[in-house]
Amino acid sequence: FSPNATVTRAQAVTFLQRMANVSEADTAKADVEESPFVDISSTDYYYNAVLWAKKEGISDGTGKDKFSPNATCTRAQVVTLLYRVFEK
């Protein structure tokens, strides 16, 4: 537990996926056959959460084909992600 640590984009979508009570099995069945992002791998712990966020329109990444999973998630980005989750 590190209350003063920064949160990465990968951690943020993983938190949101769990908060939305979406299981790993459900996200593994996502309609996305392969990741649209070149900077994530199917072996990454956050892979299914990122695909879930993309599929649900919660995050389109940070560029044409990037998600930037290790970048710090700013407060503004967290608010945007939360808004999109609760908008559903």
PDB file of N, CA and C in Angstrom:
ATOM      1  N   PHE A   1       0.854  -1.173   0.000  1.00  0.00           N
ATOM      2  CA  PHE A   1       0.000   0.000   0.000  1.00  0.00           C
ATOM      3  C   PHE A   1       0.888   1.221   0.000  1.00  0.00           C
ATOM      4  N   SER A   2       0.737   2.028  -1.020  1.00  0.00           N
ATOM      5  CA  SER A   2       1.571   3.229  -1.161  1.00  0.00           C
ATOM      6  C   SER A   2       0.677   4.425  -1.475  1.00  0.00           C
ATOM      7  N   PRO A   3       0.089   5.021  -0.450  1.00  0.00           N
ATOM      8  CA  PRO A   3      -0.877   6.103  -0.692  1.00  0.00           C
ATOM      9  C   PRO A   3      -0.304   7.339  -1.362  1.00  0.00           C
ATOM     10  N   ASN A   4       0.995   7.533  -1.306  1.00  0.00           N
ATOM     11  CA  ASN A   4       1.600   8.712  -1.928  1.00  0.00           C
ATOM     12  C   ASN A   4       2.246   8.418  -3.276  1.00  0.00           C
ATOM     13  N   ALA A   5       2.131   7.192  -3.737  1.00  0.00           N
ATOM     14  CA  ALA A   5       2.723   6.820  -5.021  1.00  0.00           C
ATOM     15  C   ALA A   5       1.844   7.304  -6.172  1.00  0.00           C
ATOM     16  N   THR A   6       2.468   7.477  -7.331  1.00  0.00           N
ATOM     17  CA  THR A   6       1.701   7.841  -8.515  1.00  0.00           C
ATOM     18  C   THR A   6       1.010   6.599  -9.072  1.00  0.00           C
ATOM     19  N   VAL A   7       0.004   6.811  -9.886  1.00  0.00           N
ATOM     20  CA  VAL A   7      -0.744   5.723 -10.517  1.00  0.00           C
ATOM     21  C   VAL A   7      -0.471   5.771 -12.009  1.00  0.00           C
ATOM     22  N   THR A   8      -0.172   4.612 -12.583  1.00  0.00           N
ATOM     23  CA  THR A   8       0.050   4.554 -14.029  1.00  0.00           C
ATOM     24  C   THR A   8      -1.291   4.399 -14.745  1.00  0.00           C
ATOM     25  N   ARG A   9      -1.262   4.616 -16.036  1.00  0.00           N
ATOM     26  CA  ARG A   9      -2.476   4.443 -16.843  1.00  0.00           C
ATOM     27  C   ARG A   9      -2.943   2.990 -16.793  1.00  0.00           C
ATOM     28  N   ALA A  10      -2.002   2.041 -16.793  1.00  0.00           N
ATOM     29  CA  ALA A  10      -2.356   0.624 -16.711  1.00  0.00           C
ATOM     30  C   ALA A  10      -3.046   0.313 -15.382  1.00  0.00           C
ATOM     31  N   GLN A  11      -2.511   0.846 -14.293  1.00  0.00           N
ATOM     32  CA  GLN A  11      -3.129   0.626 -12.985  1.00  0.00           C
ATOM     33  C   GLN A  11      -4.526   1.230 -12.936  1.00  0.00           C
ATOM     34  N   ALA A  12      -4.692   2.421 -13.492  1.00  0.00           N
ATOM     35  CA  ALA A  12      -5.983   3.102 -13.446  1.00  0.00           C
ATOM     36  C   ALA A  12      -7.070   2.289 -14.138  1.00  0.00           C
ATOM     37  N   VAL A  13      -6.791   1.779 -15.349  1.00  0.00           N
ATOM     38  CA  VAL A  13      -7.840   1.001 -16.026  1.00  0.00           C
ATOM     39  C   VAL A  13      -8.064  -0.341 -15.343  1.00  0.00           C
ATOM     40  N   THR A  14      -7.031  -0.885 -14.714  1.00  0.00           N
ATOM     41  CA  THR A  14      -7.213  -2.122 -13.960  1.00  0.00           C
ATOM     42  C   THR A  14      -8.110  -1.880 -12.752  1.00  0.00           C
ATOM     43  N   PHE A  15      -7.887  -0.778 -12.029  1.00  0.00           N
ATOM     44  CA  PHE A  15      -8.764  -0.417 -10.895  1.00  0.00           C
ATOM     45  C   PHE A  15     -10.204  -0.271 -11.370  1.00  0.00           C
ATOM     46  N   LEU A  16     -10.387   0.427 -12.474  1.00  0.00           N
ATOM     47  CA  LEU A  16     -11.735   0.688 -12.978  1.00  0.00           C
ATOM     48  C   LEU A  16     -12.426  -0.584 -13.433  1.00  0.00           C
ATOM     49  N   GLN A  17     -11.679  -1.467 -14.067  1.00  0.00           N
ATOM     50  CA  GLN A  17     -12.246  -2.745 -14.501  1.00  0.00           C
ATOM     51  C   GLN A  17     -12.741  -3.531 -13.287  1.00  0.00           C
ATOM     52  N   ARG A  18     -11.945  -3.562 -12.239  1.00  0.00           N
ATOM     53  CA  ARG A  18     -12.343  -4.282 -11.029  1.00  0.00           C
ATOM     54  C   ARG A  18     -13.503  -3.590 -10.334  1.00  0.00           C
ATOM     55  N   MET A  19     -13.495  -2.251 -10.323  1.00  0.00           N
ATOM     56  CA  MET A  19     -14.587  -1.494  -9.714  1.00  0.00           C
ATOM     57  C   MET A  19     -15.904  -1.762 -10.448  1.00  0.00           C
ATOM     58  N   ALA A  20     -15.830  -1.914 -11.765  1.00  0.00           N
ATOM     59  CA  ALA A  20     -17.011  -2.182 -12.576  1.00  0.00           C
ATOM     60  C   ALA A  20     -17.456  -3.637 -12.455  1.00  0.00           C
ATOM     61  N   ASN A  21     -16.709  -4.406 -11.665  1.00  0.00           N
ATOM     62  CA  ASN A  21     -17.019  -5.816 -11.417  1.00  0.00           C
ATOM     63  C   ASN A  21     -17.000  -6.639 -12.707  1.00  0.00           C
ATOM     64  N   VAL A  22     -16.058  -6.332 -13.563  1.00  0.00           N
ATOM     65  CA  VAL A  22     -15.871  -7.060 -14.806  1.00  0.00           C
ATOM     66  C   VAL A  22     -14.751  -8.062 -14.574  1.00  0.00           C
ATOM     67  N   SER A  23     -15.054  -9.321 -14.727  1.00  0.00           N
ATOM     68  CA  SER A  23     -14.062 -10.357 -14.431  1.00  0.00           C
ATOM     69  C   SER A  23     -13.044 -10.493 -15.560  1.00  0.00           C
ATOM     70  N   GLU A  24     -11.922 -11.078 -15.228  1.00  0.00           N
ATOM     71  CA  GLU A  24     -10.893 -11.354 -16.234  1.00  0.00           C
ATOM     72  C   GLU A  24     -11.459 -12.262 -17.323  1.00  0.00           C
ATOM     73  N   ALA A  25     -12.310 -13.218 -16.951  1.00  0.00           N
ATOM     74  CA  ALA A  25     -12.900 -14.121 -17.942  1.00  0.00           C
ATOM     75  C   ALA A  25     -13.767 -13.348 -18.926  1.00  0.00           C
ATOM     76  N   ASP A  26     -14.521 -12.368 -18.420  1.00  0.00           N
ATOM     77  CA  ASP A  26     -15.362 -11.547 -19.301  1.00  0.00           C
ATOM     78  C   ASP A  26     -14.518 -10.720 -20.250  1.00  0.00           C
ATOM     79  N   THR A  27     -13.434 -10.148 -19.760  1.00  0.00           N
ATOM     80  CA  THR A  27     -12.609  -9.315 -20.630  1.00  0.00           C
ATOM     81  C   THR A  27     -11.809 -10.160 -21.606  1.00  0.00           C
ATOM     82  N   ALA A  28     -11.515 -11.386 -21.240  1.00  0.00           N
ATOM     83  CA  ALA A  28     -10.792 -12.270 -22.158  1.00  0.00           C
ATOM     84  C   ALA A  28     -11.653 -12.591 -23.369  1.00  0.00           C
ATOM     85  N   LYS A  29     -12.970 -12.472 -23.231  1.00  0.00           N
ATOM     86  CA  LYS A  29     -13.891 -12.749 -24.327  1.00  0.00           C
ATOM     87  C   LYS A  29     -14.220 -11.497 -25.132  1.00  0.00           C
ATOM     88  N   ALA A  30     -13.458 -10.442 -24.923  1.00  0.00           N
ATOM     89  CA  ALA A  30     -13.720  -9.173 -25.608  1.00  0.00           C
ATOM     90  C   ALA A  30     -13.762  -9.375 -27.119  1.00  0.00           C
ATOM     91  N   ASP A  31     -14.531  -8.539 -27.765  1.00  0.00           N
ATOM     92  CA  ASP A  31     -14.666  -8.622 -29.216  1.00  0.00           C
ATOM     93  C   ASP A  31     -13.398  -8.189 -29.945  1.00  0.00           C
ATOM     94  N   VAL A  32     -12.443  -7.692 -29.212  1.00  0.00           N
ATOM     95  CA  VAL A  32     -11.185  -7.260 -29.816  1.00  0.00           C
ATOM     96  C   VAL A  32     -10.298  -8.490 -29.978  1.00  0.00           C
ATOM     97  N   GLU A  33      -9.989  -8.832 -31.207  1.00  0.00           N
ATOM     98  CA  GLU A  33      -9.184 -10.028 -31.452  1.00  0.00           C
ATOM     99  C   GLU A  33      -7.730  -9.833 -31.068  1.00  0.00           C
ATOM    100  N   GLU A  34      -7.230  -8.662 -31.322  1.00  0.00           N
ATOM    101  CA  GLU A  34      -5.849  -8.382 -30.942  1.00  0.00           C
ATOM    102  C   GLU A  34      -5.759  -6.919 -30.555  1.00  0.00           C
ATOM    103  N   SER A  35      -4.784  -6.622 -29.781  1.00  0.00           N
ATOM    104  CA  SER A  35      -4.655  -5.275 -29.242  1.00  0.00           C
ATOM    105  C   SER A  35      -4.404  -4.245 -30.342  1.00  0.00           C
ATOM    106  N   PRO A  36      -5.111  -3.110 -30.271  1.00  0.00           N
ATOM    107  CA  PRO A  36      -4.829  -2.038 -31.218  1.00  0.00           C
ATOM    108  C   PRO A  36      -3.606  -1.208 -30.797  1.00  0.00           C
ATOM    109  N   PHE A  37      -3.019  -1.565 -29.647  1.00  0.00           N
ATOM    110  CA  PHE A  37      -1.898  -0.797 -29.099  1.00  0.00           C
ATOM    111  C   PHE A  37      -0.605  -1.580 -29.225  1.00  0.00           C
ATOM    112  N   VAL A  38       0.422  -0.949 -29.775  1.00  0.00           N
ATOM    113  CA  VAL A  38       1.708  -1.625 -29.972  1.00  0.00           C
ATOM    114  C   VAL A  38       2.549  -1.682 -28.700  1.00  0.00           C
ATOM    115  N   ASP A  39       2.152  -0.918 -27.677  1.00  0.00           N
ATOM    116  CA  ASP A  39       2.975  -0.860 -26.468  1.00  0.00           C
ATOM    117  C   ASP A  39       2.422  -1.686 -25.306  1.00  0.00           C
ATOM    118  N   ILE A  40       1.512  -2.622 -25.608  1.00  0.00           N
ATOM    119  CA  ILE A  40       1.076  -3.584 -24.593  1.00  0.00           C
ATOM    120  C   ILE A  40       1.175  -4.988 -25.180  1.00  0.00           C
ATOM    121  N   SER A  41       1.316  -5.957 -24.293  1.00  0.00           N
ATOM    122  CA  SER A  41       1.474  -7.346 -24.709  1.00  0.00           C
ATOM    123  C   SER A  41       0.441  -8.212 -24.001  1.00  0.00           C
ATOM    124  N   SER A  42       0.064  -9.301 -24.624  1.00  0.00           N
ATOM    125  CA  SER A  42      -0.926 -10.207 -24.027  1.00  0.00           C
ATOM    126  C   SER A  42      -0.442 -10.825 -22.716  1.00  0.00           C
ATOM    127  N   THR A  43       0.836 -10.705 -22.419  1.00  0.00           N
ATOM    128  CA  THR A  43       1.356 -11.240 -21.158  1.00  0.00           C
ATOM    129  C   THR A  43       1.356 -10.205 -20.035  1.00  0.00           C
ATOM    130  N   ASP A  44       0.993  -8.967 -20.331  1.00  0.00           N
ATOM    131  CA  ASP A  44       0.945  -7.915 -19.314  1.00  0.00           C
ATOM    132  C   ASP A  44      -0.281  -8.102 -18.414  1.00  0.00           C
ATOM    133  N   TYR A  45      -0.125  -7.864 -17.125  1.00  0.00           N
ATOM    134  CA  TYR A  45      -1.223  -8.063 -16.175  1.00  0.00           C
ATOM    135  C   TYR A  45      -2.432  -7.191 -16.512  1.00  0.00           C
ATOM    136  N   TYR A  46      -2.220  -6.083 -17.150  1.00  0.00           N
ATOM    137  CA  TYR A  46      -3.279  -5.128 -17.443  1.00  0.00           C
ATOM    138  C   TYR A  46      -3.864  -5.289 -18.850  1.00  0.00           C
ATOM    139  N   TYR A  47      -3.409  -6.265 -19.598  1.00  0.00           N
ATOM    140  CA  TYR A  47      -3.802  -6.432 -20.995  1.00  0.00           C
ATOM    141  C   TYR A  47      -5.325  -6.444 -21.167  1.00  0.00           C
ATOM    142  N   ASN A  48      -6.011  -7.313 -20.435  1.00  0.00           N
ATOM    143  CA  ASN A  48      -7.463  -7.424 -20.585  1.00  0.00           C
ATOM    144  C   ASN A  48      -8.176  -6.163 -20.122  1.00  0.00           C
ATOM    145  N   ALA A  49      -7.641  -5.505 -19.098  1.00  0.00           N
ATOM    146  CA  ALA A  49      -8.255  -4.260 -18.624  1.00  0.00           C
ATOM    147  C   ALA A  49      -8.151  -3.171 -19.687  1.00  0.00           C
ATOM    148  N   VAL A  50      -7.022  -3.110 -20.369  1.00  0.00           N
ATOM    149  CA  VAL A  50      -6.844  -2.112 -21.435  1.00  0.00           C
ATOM    150  C   VAL A  50      -7.802  -2.406 -22.588  1.00  0.00           C
ATOM    151  N   LEU A  51      -7.922  -3.674 -22.970  1.00  0.00           N
ATOM    152  CA  LEU A  51      -8.851  -4.026 -24.049  1.00  0.00           C
ATOM    153  C   LEU A  51     -10.293  -3.723 -23.653  1.00  0.00           C
ATOM    154  N   TRP A  52     -10.635  -3.986 -22.379  1.00  0.00           N
ATOM    155  CA  TRP A  52     -11.969  -3.666 -21.876  1.00  0.00           C
ATOM    156  C   TRP A  52     -12.214  -2.166 -21.969  1.00  0.00           C
ATOM    157  N   ALA A  53     -11.250  -1.362 -21.534  1.00  0.00           N
ATOM    158  CA  ALA A  53     -11.396   0.092 -21.569  1.00  0.00           C
ATOM    159  C   ALA A  53     -11.556   0.588 -23.009  1.00  0.00           C
ATOM    160  N   LYS A  54     -10.827   0.008 -23.921  1.00  0.00           N
ATOM    161  CA  LYS A  54     -10.943   0.379 -25.334  1.00  0.00           C
ATOM    162  C   LYS A  54     -12.320  -0.004 -25.872  1.00  0.00           C
ATOM    163  N   LYS A  55     -12.714  -1.241 -25.630  1.00  0.00           N
ATOM    164  CA  LYS A  55     -13.996  -1.749 -26.141  1.00  0.00           C
ATOM    165  C   LYS A  55     -15.171  -0.941 -25.612  1.00  0.00           C
ATOM    166  N   GLU A  56     -15.103  -0.546 -24.351  1.00  0.00           N
ATOM    167  CA  GLU A  56     -16.206   0.182 -23.720  1.00  0.00           C
ATOM    168  C   GLU A  56     -16.158   1.688 -23.976  1.00  0.00           C
ATOM    169  N   GLY A  57     -15.160   2.147 -24.698  1.00  0.00           N
ATOM    170  CA  GLY A  57     -15.050   3.576 -24.998  1.00  0.00           C
ATOM    171  C   GLY A  57     -14.567   4.408 -23.823  1.00  0.00           C
ATOM    172  N   ILE A  58     -13.909   3.757 -22.877  1.00  0.00           N
ATOM    173  CA  ILE A  58     -13.402   4.452 -21.693  1.00  0.00           C
ATOM    174  C   ILE A  58     -12.057   5.106 -21.986  1.00  0.00           C
ATOM    175  N   SER A  59     -11.254   4.459 -22.822  1.00  0.00           N
ATOM    176  CA  SER A  59      -9.961   5.030 -23.208  1.00  0.00           C
ATOM    177  C   SER A  59      -9.600   4.594 -24.617  1.00  0.00           C
ATOM    178  N   ASP A  60      -9.190   5.550 -25.422  1.00  0.00           N
ATOM    179  CA  ASP A  60      -8.715   5.250 -26.771  1.00  0.00           C
ATOM    180  C   ASP A  60      -7.194   5.258 -26.831  1.00  0.00           C
ATOM    181  N   GLY A  61      -6.567   5.373 -25.672  1.00  0.00           N
ATOM    182  CA  GLY A  61      -5.111   5.412 -25.641  1.00  0.00           C
ATOM    183  C   GLY A  61      -4.592   6.829 -25.704  1.00  0.00           C
ATOM    184  N   THR A  62      -3.315   6.947 -26.023  1.00  0.00           N
ATOM    185  CA  THR A  62      -2.661   8.261 -26.023  1.00  0.00           C
ATOM    186  C   THR A  62      -2.199   8.694 -27.403  1.00  0.00           C
ATOM    187  N   GLY A  63      -2.510   7.939 -28.378  1.00  0.00           N
ATOM    188  CA  GLY A  63      -2.095   8.270 -29.735  1.00  0.00           C
ATOM    189  C   GLY A  63      -2.655   7.253 -30.701  1.00  0.00           C
ATOM    190  N   LYS A  64      -2.199   7.310 -31.907  1.00  0.00           N
ATOM    191  CA  LYS A  64      -2.713   6.439 -32.963  1.00  0.00           C
ATOM    192  C   LYS A  64      -2.737   4.959 -32.563  1.00  0.00           C
ATOM    193  N   ASP A  65      -1.658   4.456 -32.034  1.00  0.00           N
ATOM    194  CA  ASP A  65      -1.595   3.039 -31.667  1.00  0.00           C
ATOM    195  C   ASP A  65      -0.871   2.820 -30.339  1.00  0.00           C
ATOM    196  N   LYS A  66      -0.950   3.809 -29.462  1.00  0.00           N
ATOM    197  CA  LYS A  66      -0.262   3.740 -28.166  1.00  0.00           C
ATOM    198  C   LYS A  66      -1.273   3.868 -27.021  1.00  0.00           C
ATOM    199  N   PHE A  67      -0.986   3.143 -25.931  1.00  0.00           N
ATOM    200  CA  PHE A  67      -1.758   3.286 -24.707  1.00  0.00           C
ATOM    201  C   PHE A  67      -0.933   3.968 -23.617  1.00  0.00           C
ATOM    202  N   SER A  68       0.363   3.865 -23.685  1.00  0.00           N
ATOM    203  CA  SER A  68       1.292   4.423 -22.688  1.00  0.00           C
ATOM    204  C   SER A  68       0.977   3.895 -21.288  1.00  0.00           C
ATOM    205  N   PRO A  69       1.045   2.570 -21.108  1.00  0.00           N
ATOM    206  CA  PRO A  69       0.631   1.957 -19.847  1.00  0.00           C
ATOM    207  C   PRO A  69       1.460   2.379 -18.639  1.00  0.00           C
ATOM    208  N   ASN A  70       2.716   2.740 -18.836  1.00  0.00           N
ATOM    209  CA  ASN A  70       3.566   3.097 -17.703  1.00  0.00           C
ATOM    210  C   ASN A  70       3.628   4.593 -17.431  1.00  0.00           C
ATOM    211  N   ALA A  71       2.912   5.362 -18.222  1.00  0.00           N
ATOM    212  CA  ALA A  71       2.868   6.809 -17.993  1.00  0.00           C
ATOM    213  C   ALA A  71       2.006   7.106 -16.769  1.00  0.00           C
ATOM    214  N   THR A  72       2.355   8.151 -16.064  1.00  0.00           N
ATOM    215  CA  THR A  72       1.567   8.570 -14.913  1.00  0.00           C
ATOM    216  C   THR A  72       0.187   9.015 -15.382  1.00  0.00           C
ATOM    217  N   CYS A  73      -0.832   8.563 -14.676  1.00  0.00           N
ATOM    218  CA  CYS A  73      -2.206   8.964 -14.975  1.00  0.00           C
ATOM    219  C   CYS A  73      -2.492  10.236 -14.171  1.00  0.00           C
ATOM    220  N   THR A  74      -2.730  11.312 -14.867  1.00  0.00           N
ATOM    221  CA  THR A  74      -2.971  12.583 -14.195  1.00  0.00           C
ATOM    222  C   THR A  74      -4.358  12.600 -13.562  1.00  0.00           C
ATOM    223  N   ARG A  75      -4.595  13.552 -12.673  1.00  0.00           N
ATOM    224  CA  ARG A  75      -5.924  13.692 -12.072  1.00  0.00           C
ATOM    225  C   ARG A  75      -6.974  13.945 -13.140  1.00  0.00           C
ATOM    226  N   ALA A  76      -6.623  14.744 -14.121  1.00  0.00           N
ATOM    227  CA  ALA A  76      -7.569  15.032 -15.202  1.00  0.00           C
ATOM    228  C   ALA A  76      -7.926  13.766 -15.978  1.00  0.00           C
ATOM    229  N   GLN A  77      -6.939  12.917 -16.223  1.00  0.00           N
ATOM    230  CA  GLN A  77      -7.203  11.657 -16.920  1.00  0.00           C
ATOM    231  C   GLN A  77      -8.067  10.731 -16.071  1.00  0.00           C
ATOM    232  N   VAL A  78      -7.795  10.679 -14.763  1.00  0.00           N
ATOM    233  CA  VAL A  78      -8.603   9.837 -13.871  1.00  0.00           C
ATOM    234  C   VAL A  78     -10.057  10.302 -13.876  1.00  0.00           C
ATOM    235  N   VAL A  79     -10.267  11.609 -13.793  1.00  0.00           N
ATOM    236  CA  VAL A  79     -11.634  12.142 -13.816  1.00  0.00           C
ATOM    237  C   VAL A  79     -12.325  11.785 -15.128  1.00  0.00           C
ATOM    238  N   THR A  80     -11.619  11.902 -16.220  1.00  0.00           N
ATOM    239  CA  THR A  80     -12.189  11.564 -17.523  1.00  0.00           C
ATOM    240  C   THR A  80     -12.552  10.083 -17.592  1.00  0.00           C
ATOM    241  N   LEU A  81     -11.656   9.219 -17.126  1.00  0.00           N
ATOM    242  CA  LEU A  81     -11.931   7.784 -17.128  1.00  0.00           C
ATOM    243  C   LEU A  81     -13.141   7.455 -16.244  1.00  0.00           C
ATOM    244  N   LEU A  82     -13.178   8.040 -15.052  1.00  0.00           N
ATOM    245  CA  LEU A  82     -14.307   7.803 -14.154  1.00  0.00           C
ATOM    246  C   LEU A  82     -15.625   8.275 -14.778  1.00  0.00           C
ATOM    247  N   TYR A  83     -15.603   9.435 -15.387  1.00  0.00           N
ATOM    248  CA  TYR A  83     -16.807   9.954 -16.042  1.00  0.00           C
ATOM    249  C   TYR A  83     -17.310   8.976 -17.102  1.00  0.00           C
ATOM    250  N   ARG A  84     -16.394   8.464 -17.900  1.00  0.00           N
ATOM    251  CA  ARG A  84     -16.780   7.541 -18.959  1.00  0.00           C
ATOM    252  C   ARG A  84     -17.298   6.226 -18.410  1.00  0.00           C
ATOM    253  N   VAL A  85     -16.741   5.747 -17.302  1.00  0.00           N
ATOM    254  CA  VAL A  85     -17.238   4.512 -16.680  1.00  0.00           C
ATOM    255  C   VAL A  85     -18.663   4.719 -16.176  1.00  0.00           C
ATOM    256  N   PHE A  86     -18.897   5.818 -15.483  1.00  0.00           N
ATOM    257  CA  PHE A  86     -20.222   6.064 -14.901  1.00  0.00           C
ATOM    258  C   PHE A  86     -21.244   6.529 -15.924  1.00  0.00           C
ATOM    259  N   GLU A  87     -20.773   6.964 -17.073  1.00  0.00           N
ATOM    260  CA  GLU A  87     -21.666   7.368 -18.155  1.00  0.00           C
ATOM    261  C   GLU A  87     -22.349   6.150 -18.771  1.00  0.00           C
ATOM    262  N   LYS A  88     -21.744   4.994 -18.628  1.00  0.00           N
ATOM    263  CA  LYS A  88     -22.258   3.758 -19.224  1.00  0.00           C
ATOM    264  C   LYS A  88     -23.504   3.273 -18.538  1.00  0.00           C
TER     265      LYS A  88
END
